[in-house]
N, C-alpha and C. Protein backbone atom coordinates (compact mmCIF):
# COMPACT_ATOMS: atom_id res chain seq x y z
N UNK A 1 18.78 -14.43 -18.16
CA UNK A 1 17.61 -15.00 -17.53
C UNK A 1 17.02 -15.63 -18.91
N UNK A 2 16.75 -17.10 -18.70
CA UNK A 2 16.16 -17.97 -19.83
C UNK A 2 14.80 -17.21 -20.24
N UNK A 3 14.47 -17.72 -21.48
CA UNK A 3 13.34 -17.37 -22.18
C UNK A 3 12.41 -17.65 -21.25
N UNK A 4 11.96 -18.53 -20.98
CA UNK A 4 10.59 -19.34 -20.27
C UNK A 4 10.53 -18.19 -19.23
N UNK A 5 11.53 -18.09 -18.21
CA UNK A 5 11.08 -17.33 -17.07
C UNK A 5 11.30 -15.93 -17.12
N UNK A 6 11.83 -15.59 -18.51
CA UNK A 6 11.52 -14.05 -18.83
C UNK A 6 10.21 -13.88 -19.18
N UNK A 7 9.58 -14.56 -19.97
CA UNK A 7 8.23 -14.86 -20.34
C UNK A 7 7.23 -14.46 -19.53
N UNK A 8 7.52 -15.66 -18.34
CA UNK A 8 6.76 -15.46 -16.99
C UNK A 8 6.84 -14.25 -16.22
N UNK A 9 7.81 -13.58 -16.21
CA UNK A 9 7.82 -12.68 -15.56
C UNK A 9 7.17 -11.13 -16.29
N UNK A 10 7.23 -11.19 -17.75
CA UNK A 10 6.59 -10.21 -18.18
C UNK A 10 5.01 -10.33 -18.40
N UNK A 11 4.63 -11.78 -18.10
CA UNK A 11 2.88 -12.17 -18.32
C UNK A 11 2.73 -11.51 -16.86
N UNK A 12 3.53 -11.84 -15.72
CA UNK A 12 3.11 -11.62 -14.40
C UNK A 12 2.64 -9.82 -14.37
N UNK A 13 3.63 -9.18 -14.90
CA UNK A 13 3.74 -7.72 -14.47
C UNK A 13 2.56 -7.43 -15.66
N UNK A 14 2.35 -7.93 -16.78
CA UNK A 14 1.02 -7.58 -17.21
C UNK A 14 -0.18 -7.44 -16.81
N UNK A 15 -0.33 -8.60 -15.90
CA UNK A 15 -1.54 -9.05 -15.55
C UNK A 15 -1.68 -7.87 -14.04
N UNK A 16 -0.71 -7.42 -13.58
CA UNK A 16 -0.47 -6.23 -12.45
C UNK A 16 -0.43 -5.20 -13.02
N UNK A 17 -1.02 -4.32 -13.52
CA UNK A 17 -0.67 -2.73 -13.92
C UNK A 17 -0.54 -2.19 -12.42
N UNK A 18 0.29 -0.99 -12.56
CA UNK A 18 0.87 -0.03 -11.67
C UNK A 18 -0.24 0.33 -10.39
N UNK A 19 -1.43 0.63 -11.19
CA UNK A 19 -2.77 0.71 -9.86
C UNK A 19 -2.89 -0.53 -9.01
N UNK A 20 -2.73 -1.53 -9.71
CA UNK A 20 -3.11 -2.86 -8.67
C UNK A 20 -1.82 -3.02 -7.85
N UNK A 21 -0.71 -2.71 -8.61
CA UNK A 21 0.59 -3.10 -7.61
C UNK A 21 0.44 -1.84 -6.40
N UNK A 22 -0.02 -0.75 -6.83
CA UNK A 22 -0.39 0.58 -5.57
C UNK A 22 -1.07 -0.02 -4.39
N UNK A 23 -2.18 -0.75 -5.07
CA UNK A 23 -3.33 -0.85 -4.06
C UNK A 23 -3.13 -1.98 -3.29
N UNK A 24 -2.55 -3.23 -3.73
CA UNK A 24 -1.44 -4.07 -3.10
C UNK A 24 -0.93 -3.91 -2.13
N UNK A 25 0.08 -2.72 -2.48
CA UNK A 25 0.95 -2.13 -1.33
C UNK A 25 0.27 -1.68 -0.24
N UNK A 26 -0.43 -0.61 -0.85
CA UNK A 26 -1.46 0.10 0.46
C UNK A 26 -2.07 -0.91 1.33
N UNK A 27 -2.82 -1.93 0.66
CA UNK A 27 -3.26 -2.78 1.72
C UNK A 27 -2.82 -3.53 2.46
N UNK A 28 -1.63 -4.04 1.93
CA UNK A 28 -0.79 -4.87 3.16
C UNK A 28 -0.22 -3.99 4.04
N UNK A 29 0.24 -3.14 3.53
CA UNK A 29 0.88 -2.02 4.59
C UNK A 29 0.02 -1.73 5.74
N UNK A 30 -1.62 -1.11 5.19
CA UNK A 30 -2.40 -0.67 6.12
C UNK A 30 -2.76 -1.91 6.88
N UNK A 31 -2.71 -3.13 6.66
CA UNK A 31 -3.21 -4.31 7.78
C UNK A 31 -2.10 -4.65 8.58
N UNK A 32 -0.78 -4.52 8.19
CA UNK A 32 0.32 -4.82 8.63
C UNK A 32 0.32 -3.41 9.87
N UNK A 33 0.20 -2.29 9.69
CA UNK A 33 0.23 -1.39 10.46
C UNK A 33 -0.88 -1.11 11.51
N UNK A 34 -2.17 -1.82 11.00
CA UNK A 34 -3.21 -1.46 12.30
C UNK A 34 -2.63 -2.64 13.20
N UNK A 35 -2.29 -3.71 12.79
CA UNK A 35 -2.06 -4.75 13.80
C UNK A 35 -0.77 -4.51 14.77
N UNK A 36 0.34 -3.94 14.12
CA UNK A 36 1.37 -3.85 14.91
C UNK A 36 1.97 -2.27 15.33
N UNK A 37 1.34 -1.27 14.92
CA UNK A 37 1.77 0.15 15.17
C UNK A 37 0.92 0.92 16.26
N UNK A 38 1.35 1.72 17.19
CA UNK A 38 0.21 2.33 17.91
C UNK A 38 0.13 3.55 17.35
N UNK A 39 -1.04 3.99 17.63
CA UNK A 39 -1.85 4.88 17.15
C UNK A 39 -1.07 6.12 16.60
N UNK A 40 -0.41 6.54 17.48
CA UNK A 40 0.38 8.05 17.15
C UNK A 40 1.41 7.91 16.25
N UNK A 41 2.05 6.50 16.51
CA UNK A 41 3.26 6.44 15.66
C UNK A 41 2.70 6.14 14.02
N UNK A 42 1.57 5.42 13.85
CA UNK A 42 1.05 5.65 12.34
C UNK A 42 0.83 6.76 11.96
N UNK A 43 0.29 7.83 12.83
CA UNK A 43 0.05 9.49 12.25
C UNK A 43 1.40 9.65 11.68
N UNK A 44 2.23 9.52 12.58
CA UNK A 44 3.91 10.36 12.20
C UNK A 44 4.53 9.59 11.31
N UNK A 45 4.42 8.12 11.07
CA UNK A 45 5.05 7.69 9.90
C UNK A 45 4.35 8.17 8.50
N UNK A 46 2.89 8.24 8.67
CA UNK A 46 2.00 8.73 7.72
C UNK A 46 2.58 10.36 7.01
N UNK A 47 2.71 11.09 8.11
CA UNK A 47 3.37 12.46 7.98
C UNK A 47 4.66 12.01 6.84
N UNK A 48 5.47 11.44 7.91
CA UNK A 48 6.77 11.47 6.94
C UNK A 48 6.74 11.01 5.74
N UNK A 49 6.23 9.72 5.45
CA UNK A 49 5.92 9.34 4.04
C UNK A 49 5.03 10.33 3.23
N UNK A 50 4.47 11.12 3.24
CA UNK A 50 3.90 12.37 2.46
C UNK A 50 5.24 13.27 2.37
N UNK A 51 5.61 13.45 3.21
CA UNK A 51 6.67 14.63 2.97
C UNK A 51 7.82 13.92 2.10
N UNK A 52 8.02 12.98 2.46
CA UNK A 52 9.10 12.01 1.57
C UNK A 52 8.50 12.04 -0.02
N UNK A 53 7.12 11.86 0.02
CA UNK A 53 6.51 11.81 -1.19
C UNK A 53 6.75 12.84 -2.15
N UNK A 54 6.77 14.15 -1.69
CA UNK A 54 7.13 15.17 -2.27
C UNK A 54 8.38 15.22 -2.93
N UNK A 55 9.23 14.52 -2.42
CA UNK A 55 10.51 14.72 -3.39
C UNK A 55 10.58 13.20 -3.99
N UNK A 56 9.49 12.99 -4.69
CA UNK A 56 9.55 11.77 -5.23
C UNK A 56 10.64 11.52 -6.89
N UNK A 57 10.78 13.00 -6.93
CA UNK A 57 11.56 12.82 -8.25
C UNK A 57 12.99 12.27 -7.80
N UNK A 58 13.72 12.42 -6.76
CA UNK A 58 14.79 11.89 -6.35
C UNK A 58 15.01 10.21 -6.17
N UNK A 59 16.06 9.83 -6.48
CA UNK A 59 16.09 8.14 -6.68
C UNK A 59 15.80 7.33 -5.83
N UNK A 60 15.68 7.50 -4.43
CA UNK A 60 15.59 6.15 -3.63
C UNK A 60 13.95 6.90 -3.32
N UNK A 61 13.20 7.90 -2.82
CA UNK A 61 12.17 8.30 -2.65
C UNK A 61 11.03 8.29 -3.83
N UNK A 62 9.81 8.15 -3.62
CA UNK A 62 8.90 7.98 -4.92
C UNK A 62 7.85 8.39 -4.92
N UNK A 63 6.89 8.90 -5.63
CA UNK A 63 5.17 9.43 -5.51
C UNK A 63 4.44 8.52 -4.64
N UNK A 64 4.78 7.09 -4.83
CA UNK A 64 3.72 6.09 -3.71
C UNK A 64 3.61 6.34 -2.47
N UNK A 65 4.84 7.13 -2.16
CA UNK A 65 4.88 7.43 -0.86
C UNK A 65 3.34 8.37 -0.10
N UNK A 66 2.79 8.98 -0.98
CA UNK A 66 1.99 9.85 -0.52
C UNK A 66 0.71 9.03 -0.42
N UNK A 67 -0.19 8.37 -1.25
CA UNK A 67 -1.22 7.51 -0.87
C UNK A 67 -1.06 6.61 0.41
N UNK A 68 0.15 5.88 0.40
CA UNK A 68 0.51 5.29 1.61
C UNK A 68 0.78 6.17 2.78
N UNK A 69 1.08 7.29 3.29
CA UNK A 69 0.90 7.87 4.03
C UNK A 69 -0.48 8.56 4.35
N UNK A 70 -1.04 8.77 3.44
CA UNK A 70 -2.51 9.38 3.60
C UNK A 70 -3.32 8.26 4.45
N UNK A 71 -2.93 7.15 3.79
CA UNK A 71 -3.37 5.94 4.42
C UNK A 71 -3.59 5.42 5.81
N UNK A 72 -1.95 5.65 6.04
CA UNK A 72 -1.45 5.34 7.58
C UNK A 72 -2.35 6.42 8.53
N UNK A 73 -2.28 7.63 7.86
CA UNK A 73 -2.89 8.67 8.95
C UNK A 73 -4.68 8.33 8.74
N UNK A 74 -5.35 8.13 7.85
CA UNK A 74 -6.61 7.51 7.83
C UNK A 74 -6.95 6.50 8.73
N UNK A 75 -5.97 5.53 9.26
CA UNK A 75 -6.36 4.66 10.07
C UNK A 75 -6.62 5.42 11.65
N UNK A 76 -5.99 6.58 11.87
CA UNK A 76 -6.26 6.85 13.17
C UNK A 76 -7.71 7.86 13.10
N UNK A 77 -8.37 8.05 12.08
CA UNK A 77 -9.38 8.96 12.36
C UNK A 77 -10.66 7.63 11.74
N UNK A 78 -11.38 7.90 12.97
CA UNK A 78 -12.52 6.58 12.57
C UNK A 78 -13.38 6.93 11.36
N UNK A 79 -13.92 7.85 10.88
CA UNK A 79 -14.86 7.71 9.40
C UNK A 79 -13.93 7.51 8.55
N UNK A 80 -12.77 8.04 8.37
CA UNK A 80 -11.72 7.62 7.36
C UNK A 80 -11.49 6.42 7.20
N UNK A 81 -11.27 5.83 8.56
CA UNK A 81 -10.71 4.34 8.80
C UNK A 81 -11.65 3.76 8.01
N UNK A 82 -12.61 3.52 8.30
CA UNK A 82 -13.92 2.99 7.87
C UNK A 82 -14.06 3.05 6.29
N UNK A 83 -14.07 4.15 5.73
CA UNK A 83 -13.98 4.04 4.53
C UNK A 83 -12.84 3.50 3.70
N UNK A 84 -11.80 3.72 4.39
CA UNK A 84 -10.55 3.38 3.85
C UNK A 84 -10.56 1.84 3.78
N UNK A 85 -10.99 1.35 4.71
CA UNK A 85 -11.14 -0.05 4.86
C UNK A 85 -12.09 -0.84 3.96
N UNK A 86 -13.16 -0.20 3.72
CA UNK A 86 -14.34 -0.61 2.93
C UNK A 86 -13.55 -0.57 1.05
N UNK A 87 -12.95 0.82 1.13
CA UNK A 87 -12.83 0.57 0.02
C UNK A 87 -11.22 -0.57 -0.35
N UNK A 88 -10.33 -0.53 0.27
CA UNK A 88 -9.38 -1.53 0.17
C UNK A 88 -10.28 -3.19 0.01
N UNK A 89 -11.26 -3.20 0.66
CA UNK A 89 -11.89 -4.60 0.48
C UNK A 89 -12.38 -4.77 -0.89
N UNK A 90 -13.20 -3.71 -1.16
CA UNK A 90 -13.64 -3.83 -3.12
C UNK A 90 -12.71 -3.93 -3.98
N UNK A 91 -11.61 -3.04 -3.76
CA UNK A 91 -10.29 -3.40 -4.97
C UNK A 91 -9.49 -4.30 -4.53
N UNK A 92 -9.53 -5.44 -3.50
CA UNK A 92 -8.81 -6.30 -3.24
C UNK A 92 -8.66 -7.37 -4.18
N UNK A 93 -7.82 -8.16 -4.82
CA UNK A 93 -8.05 -8.97 -6.00
C UNK A 93 -6.87 -10.05 -5.63
N UNK A 94 -5.81 -9.74 -4.82
CA UNK A 94 -4.78 -10.94 -4.82
C UNK A 94 -5.06 -11.15 -3.02
N UNK A 95 -5.23 -12.63 -3.16
CA UNK A 95 -5.48 -13.37 -2.03
C UNK A 95 -4.49 -13.07 -1.07
N UNK A 96 -3.16 -12.90 -1.32
CA UNK A 96 -1.83 -12.72 -0.35
C UNK A 96 -2.16 -11.33 0.08
N UNK A 97 -3.13 -10.69 -0.27
CA UNK A 97 -3.48 -9.17 0.56
C UNK A 97 -4.53 -9.18 1.26
N UNK A 98 -5.07 -10.34 1.73
CA UNK A 98 -6.32 -10.49 2.67
C UNK A 98 -5.56 -10.91 4.05
N UNK A 99 -6.02 -9.98 5.26
CA UNK A 99 -5.74 -10.34 6.34
C UNK A 99 -6.09 -11.51 6.88
N UNK A 100 -5.15 -12.22 7.68
CA UNK A 100 -5.08 -13.40 8.20
C UNK A 100 -6.29 -13.54 9.16
N UNK A 101 -7.21 -14.48 9.15
CA UNK A 101 -8.40 -14.47 10.10
C UNK A 101 -7.66 -15.03 11.38
N UNK A 102 -7.88 -14.36 12.42
CA UNK A 102 -7.27 -14.62 13.85
C UNK A 102 -8.02 -16.19 14.50
């Protein structure tokens, strides 16, 4: 990797700490699942992600799966859905995370 692109890579990762990357991942996934997945399928996938998250010490799985699964389940519970979407809107900083306007 040439020096300039390596420096750009380091600067990009420094600007977006792990917390922001996790919020970005959850935001994009929640908006995708809200548009494309059926109600029961979202909950089922959320439960599978949470179960997989408990095995986060294994190489392929990760602890990031727990908040993502909880967010998918929250989409199917109306009061939790409002709270989740409001929270994601407040913490969103990356313009590519914003849902497309219909």
